[in-house]
Amino acid sequence: MGRSRGFTLVELLVVMAVIGVLVALLLPAVQAAREAARRTQCKNNLKQIALALHNYEQAFKVFPPSSTSGFGAGVWGYPGASPADPNIHLHSFASLLLPYIEQENLAGEIDYRVSALAPENREAASTILPFYRCPSYSGKDFSDDPLYVTNVGYARFAIRNYVALGSRTVLGLAGAVPAEGVMFPQSRIGFRDVLDGTSHTIVLAETREERSSVWIDGTTAAVAARWTDLTNPTFAGNSVSINYTPYFPGGVFPNSIGQEYGPSSQHPGGAQHAFVDGSIHFLSDTLDVTVYDALTTRAGGEVIGSY
């Protein structure tokens, strides 16, 4: 009767090598499947926010402004003359939409009579809201920008991953030229004003910005289609702002906050955008800049090609 034998060392090494190759082949597929699931959830988040925008517009006949304070007002002005100073009111579209996205209880905790940054609103402002967060985002939960942590004195302002696309350039968001988008500081734009067509006009984009993306604060709740080029008199970069860094350099203007990213995401190759009609499209970070400009404007009259 012959003896059974085990694996030789060579055979064992061969088996291990085969298993290693199989794992190496399967891992990218698993990662791709997980990213596809995260991207789908992100798309669903944007779809729900777009629906909330529609419900808000139906109630008020306008979409919410990116900020309840005007152009040039921001976190740098806090604490202002009083907690009710209109220059630091700064409630964002994300805050105003809460009752329309099944968050009536959280909205009830916010005192909209005073600044979004006031002590009365900080417990609500520290709430991490999954529907305002992209599942692929792997950054910070709370802003650590000195304007929040030191000037305001609070280190737990929770961030969001969705932002209004308010203008072609930062000059429009500063009030130096008319803002061409749908939501910008103290905007009052409704469906009736979107003359380019609701299916050809972007209202929201993803963002992976970590520091100047506090969901309750309207300071930077709107971004521009082009990154900021300080060498250009119009401050307009020569390519789309999608995934471009730095989108807006800090420490250059006295009343501003630096932003590494504007429209952006941690999905490979671009970012998801919500259009006024509620449709969601993934736009490449190599998109022609004139097409992105045209998709940003609500009444530019442009002829838009394929994208």
Protein backbone atom coordinates (compact mmCIF):
# COMPACT_ATOMS: atom_id res chain seq x y z
CA MET A 1 0.00 0.00 0.00
CA GLY A 2 1.58 3.29 -1.17
CA ARG A 3 1.92 6.30 1.10
CA SER A 4 -0.07 9.46 0.29
CA ARG A 5 2.16 12.45 -0.17
CA GLY A 6 1.57 16.15 0.52
CA PHE A 7 2.41 19.13 -1.65
CA THR A 8 6.01 19.70 -2.42
CA LEU A 9 7.42 23.13 -1.78
CA VAL A 10 7.46 23.88 -5.51
CA GLU A 11 3.82 22.84 -5.92
CA LEU A 12 2.80 24.97 -2.94
CA LEU A 13 4.60 27.98 -4.38
CA VAL A 14 2.89 27.46 -7.73
CA VAL A 15 -0.56 27.30 -6.08
CA MET A 16 0.16 30.44 -4.09
CA ALA A 17 1.34 32.23 -7.22
CA VAL A 18 -1.86 31.25 -9.07
CA ILE A 19 -4.00 32.49 -6.17
CA GLY A 20 -2.03 35.73 -6.11
CA VAL A 21 -2.61 36.27 -9.83
CA LEU A 22 -6.35 35.59 -9.43
CA VAL A 23 -6.61 38.06 -6.54
CA ALA A 24 -4.70 40.66 -8.55
CA LEU A 25 -7.12 40.17 -11.45
CA LEU A 26 -10.23 40.26 -9.28
CA LEU A 27 -9.32 43.21 -7.05
CA PRO A 28 -9.67 45.93 -9.73
CA ALA A 29 -13.03 44.45 -10.74
CA VAL A 30 -14.23 44.52 -7.13
CA GLN A 31 -13.00 48.08 -6.68
CA ALA A 32 -14.68 49.13 -9.94
CA ALA A 33 -17.96 47.55 -8.82
CA ARG A 34 -17.78 49.36 -5.49
CA GLU A 35 -17.06 52.69 -7.20
CA ALA A 36 -19.97 52.11 -9.58
CA ALA A 37 -22.25 51.57 -6.58
CA ARG A 38 -20.94 54.71 -4.87
CA ARG A 39 -21.37 56.72 -8.06
CA THR A 40 -24.97 55.51 -8.34
CA GLN A 41 -25.69 56.53 -4.75
CA CYS A 42 -24.13 59.93 -5.41
CA LYS A 43 -26.36 60.31 -8.46
CA ASN A 44 -29.38 59.44 -6.32
CA ASN A 45 -28.34 62.09 -3.77
CA LEU A 46 -28.23 64.74 -6.48
CA LYS A 47 -31.57 63.54 -7.83
CA GLN A 48 -33.18 63.98 -4.41
CA ILE A 49 -31.67 67.44 -3.98
CA ALA A 50 -32.88 68.44 -7.45
CA LEU A 51 -36.38 67.26 -6.52
CA ALA A 52 -36.19 69.34 -3.34
CA LEU A 53 -35.23 72.34 -5.47
CA HIS A 54 -38.33 71.79 -7.59
CA ASN A 55 -40.53 71.63 -4.50
CA TYR A 56 -38.95 74.79 -3.11
CA GLU A 57 -39.50 76.59 -6.42
CA GLN A 58 -43.11 75.45 -6.47
CA ALA A 59 -43.61 76.94 -3.00
CA PHE A 60 -41.77 80.25 -3.53
CA LYS A 61 -41.69 80.59 -7.35
CA VAL A 62 -37.89 80.94 -7.15
CA PHE A 63 -35.04 78.57 -6.40
CA PRO A 64 -33.21 79.15 -3.10
CA PRO A 65 -30.25 81.52 -3.24
CA SER A 66 -26.81 80.06 -2.65
CA SER A 67 -26.61 82.47 0.30
CA THR A 68 -29.18 84.64 2.05
CA SER A 69 -26.49 87.33 2.34
CA GLY A 70 -25.42 89.37 -0.67
CA PHE A 71 -22.31 89.46 -2.83
CA GLY A 72 -19.08 89.88 -0.90
CA ALA A 73 -20.54 88.69 2.41
CA GLY A 74 -18.95 85.71 4.07
CA VAL A 75 -17.60 83.98 7.13
CA TRP A 76 -14.77 86.53 7.31
CA GLY A 77 -17.33 89.14 8.45
CA TYR A 78 -18.44 87.19 11.52
CA PRO A 79 -19.52 88.24 14.17
CA GLY A 80 -20.71 91.43 12.45
CA ALA A 81 -22.71 94.13 14.17
CA SER A 82 -25.05 91.58 15.79
CA PRO A 83 -26.15 87.97 15.28
CA ALA A 84 -28.92 89.32 13.04
CA ASP A 85 -26.56 91.39 10.85
CA PRO A 86 -27.75 90.69 7.25
CA ASN A 87 -24.14 90.64 6.05
CA ILE A 88 -23.47 87.53 8.12
CA HIS A 89 -26.91 85.89 7.84
CA LEU A 90 -25.32 83.45 5.37
CA HIS A 91 -27.88 80.65 5.37
CA SER A 92 -27.11 78.41 2.39
CA PHE A 93 -29.37 76.73 -0.13
CA ALA A 94 -28.54 73.45 1.64
CA SER A 95 -29.98 74.85 4.86
CA LEU A 96 -33.05 76.33 3.17
CA LEU A 97 -33.84 73.04 1.43
CA LEU A 98 -34.05 70.94 4.60
CA PRO A 99 -37.87 71.02 4.91
CA TYR A 100 -38.11 69.85 1.29
CA ILE A 101 -35.78 66.89 1.74
CA GLU A 102 -37.61 65.32 4.70
CA GLN A 103 -35.51 67.11 7.31
CA GLU A 104 -38.18 69.23 8.98
CA ASN A 105 -36.89 68.33 12.45
CA LEU A 106 -33.37 69.52 11.70
CA ALA A 107 -34.72 72.68 10.06
CA GLY A 108 -36.71 73.26 13.25
CA GLU A 109 -33.44 73.36 15.23
CA ILE A 110 -32.07 76.21 13.09
CA ASP A 111 -32.79 79.81 14.01
CA TYR A 112 -33.08 81.48 10.62
CA ARG A 113 -33.47 84.90 12.27
CA VAL A 114 -29.76 84.98 13.14
CA SER A 115 -26.52 84.08 11.43
CA ALA A 116 -26.02 80.53 10.20
CA LEU A 117 -22.76 80.63 12.17
CA ALA A 118 -24.27 81.87 15.44
CA PRO A 119 -24.03 79.70 18.58
CA GLU A 120 -27.75 78.96 18.36
CA ASN A 121 -27.17 77.06 15.11
CA ARG A 122 -23.95 75.21 15.81
CA GLU A 123 -25.44 71.97 17.08
CA ALA A 124 -27.45 71.64 13.87
CA ALA A 125 -24.42 72.74 11.82
CA SER A 126 -22.35 69.87 13.23
CA THR A 127 -24.78 67.26 11.86
CA ILE A 128 -23.25 65.17 9.08
CA LEU A 129 -25.96 64.78 6.45
CA PRO A 130 -25.54 61.65 4.28
CA PHE A 131 -27.68 63.04 1.43
CA TYR A 132 -25.27 65.99 1.14
CA ARG A 133 -22.24 63.67 1.04
CA CYS A 134 -20.85 61.69 -1.89
CA PRO A 135 -20.06 58.07 -0.84
CA SER A 136 -16.76 58.26 -2.76
CA TYR A 137 -15.60 61.27 -0.74
CA SER A 138 -12.81 60.35 1.69
CA GLY A 139 -11.91 63.76 3.12
CA LYS A 140 -12.63 65.52 6.39
CA ASP A 141 -16.03 65.59 8.06
CA PHE A 142 -15.60 69.08 9.53
CA SER A 143 -13.91 72.20 8.21
CA ASP A 144 -10.56 73.04 9.78
CA ASP A 145 -10.22 76.39 8.03
CA PRO A 146 -9.01 79.10 10.47
CA LEU A 147 -11.92 81.35 9.53
CA TYR A 148 -14.24 78.81 11.14
CA VAL A 149 -12.01 77.32 13.83
CA THR A 150 -10.35 80.54 15.02
CA ASN A 151 -12.42 83.52 13.86
CA VAL A 152 -15.84 82.00 14.50
CA GLY A 153 -14.51 79.75 17.24
CA TYR A 154 -16.11 76.44 16.30
CA ALA A 155 -14.35 73.37 14.92
CA ARG A 156 -17.30 71.11 14.06
CA PHE A 157 -18.98 72.76 11.08
CA ALA A 158 -19.92 69.75 8.93
CA ILE A 159 -19.17 69.86 5.22
CA ARG A 160 -21.19 69.04 2.09
CA ASN A 161 -20.22 67.59 -1.31
CA TYR A 162 -22.73 69.42 -3.49
CA VAL A 163 -22.58 73.05 -4.55
CA ALA A 164 -24.47 75.49 -6.77
CA LEU A 165 -22.93 76.40 -10.12
CA GLY A 166 -23.75 80.09 -9.98
CA SER A 167 -21.71 81.86 -12.63
CA ARG A 168 -19.20 81.48 -15.43
CA THR A 169 -16.43 83.24 -13.45
CA VAL A 170 -15.74 84.28 -9.87
CA LEU A 171 -16.44 87.89 -10.88
CA GLY A 172 -20.09 86.90 -11.18
CA LEU A 173 -20.07 85.43 -7.69
CA ALA A 174 -18.46 88.60 -6.35
CA GLY A 175 -21.07 90.86 -7.93
CA ALA A 176 -18.56 92.58 -10.22
CA VAL A 177 -20.52 91.34 -13.26
CA PRO A 178 -24.01 89.80 -13.41
CA ALA A 179 -24.13 86.19 -12.26
CA GLU A 180 -25.31 84.05 -15.17
CA GLY A 181 -26.33 80.90 -13.30
CA VAL A 182 -29.42 79.82 -11.39
CA MET A 183 -28.36 80.04 -7.71
CA PHE A 184 -25.96 82.69 -6.40
CA PRO A 185 -25.95 85.11 -3.42
CA GLN A 186 -29.47 86.48 -2.87
CA SER A 187 -30.62 85.15 -6.24
CA ARG A 188 -34.32 85.07 -7.09
CA ILE A 189 -34.35 82.88 -10.18
CA GLY A 190 -37.31 80.68 -11.07
CA PHE A 191 -38.15 78.28 -13.88
CA ARG A 192 -39.47 81.25 -15.87
CA ASP A 193 -35.95 82.74 -15.97
CA VAL A 194 -34.20 79.66 -17.38
CA LEU A 195 -34.54 80.71 -21.00
CA ASP A 196 -31.83 78.37 -22.30
CA GLY A 197 -33.99 75.40 -21.33
CA THR A 198 -34.07 73.39 -18.12
CA SER A 199 -32.36 70.41 -19.78
CA HIS A 200 -29.46 72.62 -20.94
CA THR A 201 -28.77 74.46 -17.67
CA ILE A 202 -26.77 73.16 -14.72
CA VAL A 203 -27.90 74.03 -11.21
CA LEU A 204 -25.66 71.86 -8.97
CA ALA A 205 -22.28 70.15 -9.12
CA GLU A 206 -20.31 67.83 -6.90
CA THR A 207 -17.36 69.19 -4.93
CA ARG A 208 -14.55 67.49 -3.01
CA GLU A 209 -13.56 70.72 -1.25
CA GLU A 210 -12.82 70.06 2.44
CA ARG A 211 -12.38 73.44 4.10
CA SER A 212 -14.73 75.97 2.54
CA SER A 213 -17.74 73.69 2.05
CA VAL A 214 -19.70 74.01 5.30
CA TRP A 215 -23.26 72.96 4.47
CA ILE A 216 -25.06 75.50 6.65
CA ASP A 217 -22.94 78.42 5.43
CA GLY A 218 -23.63 80.25 2.18
CA THR A 219 -20.17 81.86 1.95
CA THR A 220 -18.98 79.53 -0.83
CA ALA A 221 -22.18 77.63 -1.57
CA ALA A 222 -21.87 78.69 -5.22
CA VAL A 223 -18.89 78.14 -7.50
CA ALA A 224 -17.97 79.15 -11.05
CA ALA A 225 -17.50 77.24 -14.29
CA ARG A 226 -13.91 78.46 -14.60
CA TRP A 227 -11.08 78.34 -12.10
CA THR A 228 -9.50 81.59 -10.96
CA ASP A 229 -6.58 82.87 -13.04
CA LEU A 230 -5.06 85.88 -11.29
CA THR A 231 -3.11 86.83 -14.42
CA ASN A 232 -6.30 87.33 -16.42
CA PRO A 233 -8.28 90.60 -16.01
CA THR A 234 -11.50 88.56 -16.04
CA PHE A 235 -10.03 86.06 -13.52
CA ALA A 236 -11.20 83.29 -15.88
CA GLY A 237 -9.00 80.25 -16.35
CA ASN A 238 -8.71 78.80 -19.83
CA SER A 239 -10.24 75.42 -18.95
CA VAL A 240 -13.15 74.09 -16.92
CA SER A 241 -12.96 74.24 -13.14
CA ILE A 242 -13.96 70.56 -12.82
CA ASN A 243 -11.24 68.93 -10.68
CA TYR A 244 -8.89 71.88 -11.27
CA THR A 245 -6.74 72.79 -8.28
CA PRO A 246 -6.32 75.35 -6.87
CA TYR A 247 -9.74 76.53 -7.95
CA PHE A 248 -9.53 79.77 -5.94
CA PRO A 249 -6.24 80.67 -4.18
CA GLY A 250 -6.41 81.72 -0.56
CA GLY A 251 -4.69 84.73 0.98
CA VAL A 252 -4.96 86.87 -2.17
CA PHE A 253 -8.11 88.87 -1.51
CA PRO A 254 -8.87 90.40 1.90
CA ASN A 255 -12.50 89.27 1.97
CA SER A 256 -12.30 85.72 0.70
CA ILE A 257 -11.62 82.14 1.65
CA GLY A 258 -9.32 79.81 -0.26
CA GLN A 259 -10.79 76.86 -2.14
CA GLU A 260 -8.66 74.00 -3.41
CA TYR A 261 -11.58 72.65 -5.42
CA GLY A 262 -14.72 74.02 -7.05
CA PRO A 263 -16.80 71.56 -9.10
CA SER A 264 -15.00 68.27 -8.50
CA SER A 265 -15.29 64.73 -7.21
CA GLN A 266 -13.38 61.62 -6.25
CA HIS A 267 -14.99 59.71 -9.10
CA PRO A 268 -12.37 59.20 -11.81
CA GLY A 269 -12.40 61.69 -14.67
CA GLY A 270 -15.03 64.25 -13.77
CA ALA A 271 -17.99 65.06 -11.55
CA GLN A 272 -21.75 64.62 -11.52
CA HIS A 273 -24.00 67.60 -12.19
CA ALA A 274 -27.71 68.21 -11.66
CA PHE A 275 -29.57 70.11 -14.35
CA VAL A 276 -32.59 72.32 -13.73
CA ASP A 277 -34.93 69.68 -15.19
CA GLY A 278 -33.76 67.23 -12.51
CA SER A 279 -31.58 65.10 -14.79
CA ILE A 280 -28.10 64.09 -13.63
CA HIS A 281 -25.09 64.00 -15.95
CA PHE A 282 -21.47 63.04 -15.36
CA LEU A 283 -19.32 65.72 -16.99
CA SER A 284 -15.67 65.11 -17.86
CA ASP A 285 -12.93 67.34 -16.50
CA THR A 286 -11.71 67.62 -20.10
CA LEU A 287 -15.01 69.08 -21.29
CA ASP A 288 -14.67 72.01 -23.71
CA VAL A 289 -14.74 75.16 -21.60
CA THR A 290 -17.15 76.99 -23.91
CA VAL A 291 -19.64 74.13 -23.56
CA TYR A 292 -19.36 74.25 -19.75
CA ASP A 293 -19.85 78.02 -19.86
CA ALA A 294 -22.98 77.55 -21.97
CA LEU A 295 -24.38 74.90 -19.63
CA THR A 296 -23.84 77.25 -16.70
CA THR A 297 -25.75 80.22 -18.10
CA ARG A 298 -29.52 80.31 -17.71
CA ALA A 299 -30.22 82.76 -20.53
CA GLY A 300 -27.08 82.98 -22.66
CA GLY A 301 -28.73 81.87 -25.88
CA GLU A 302 -25.80 79.62 -26.77
CA VAL A 303 -26.03 76.69 -29.18
CA ILE A 304 -24.74 73.71 -27.23
CA GLY A 305 -23.11 70.77 -28.95
CA SER A 306 -22.63 67.28 -27.57
CA TYR A 307 -21.25 66.78 -24.09
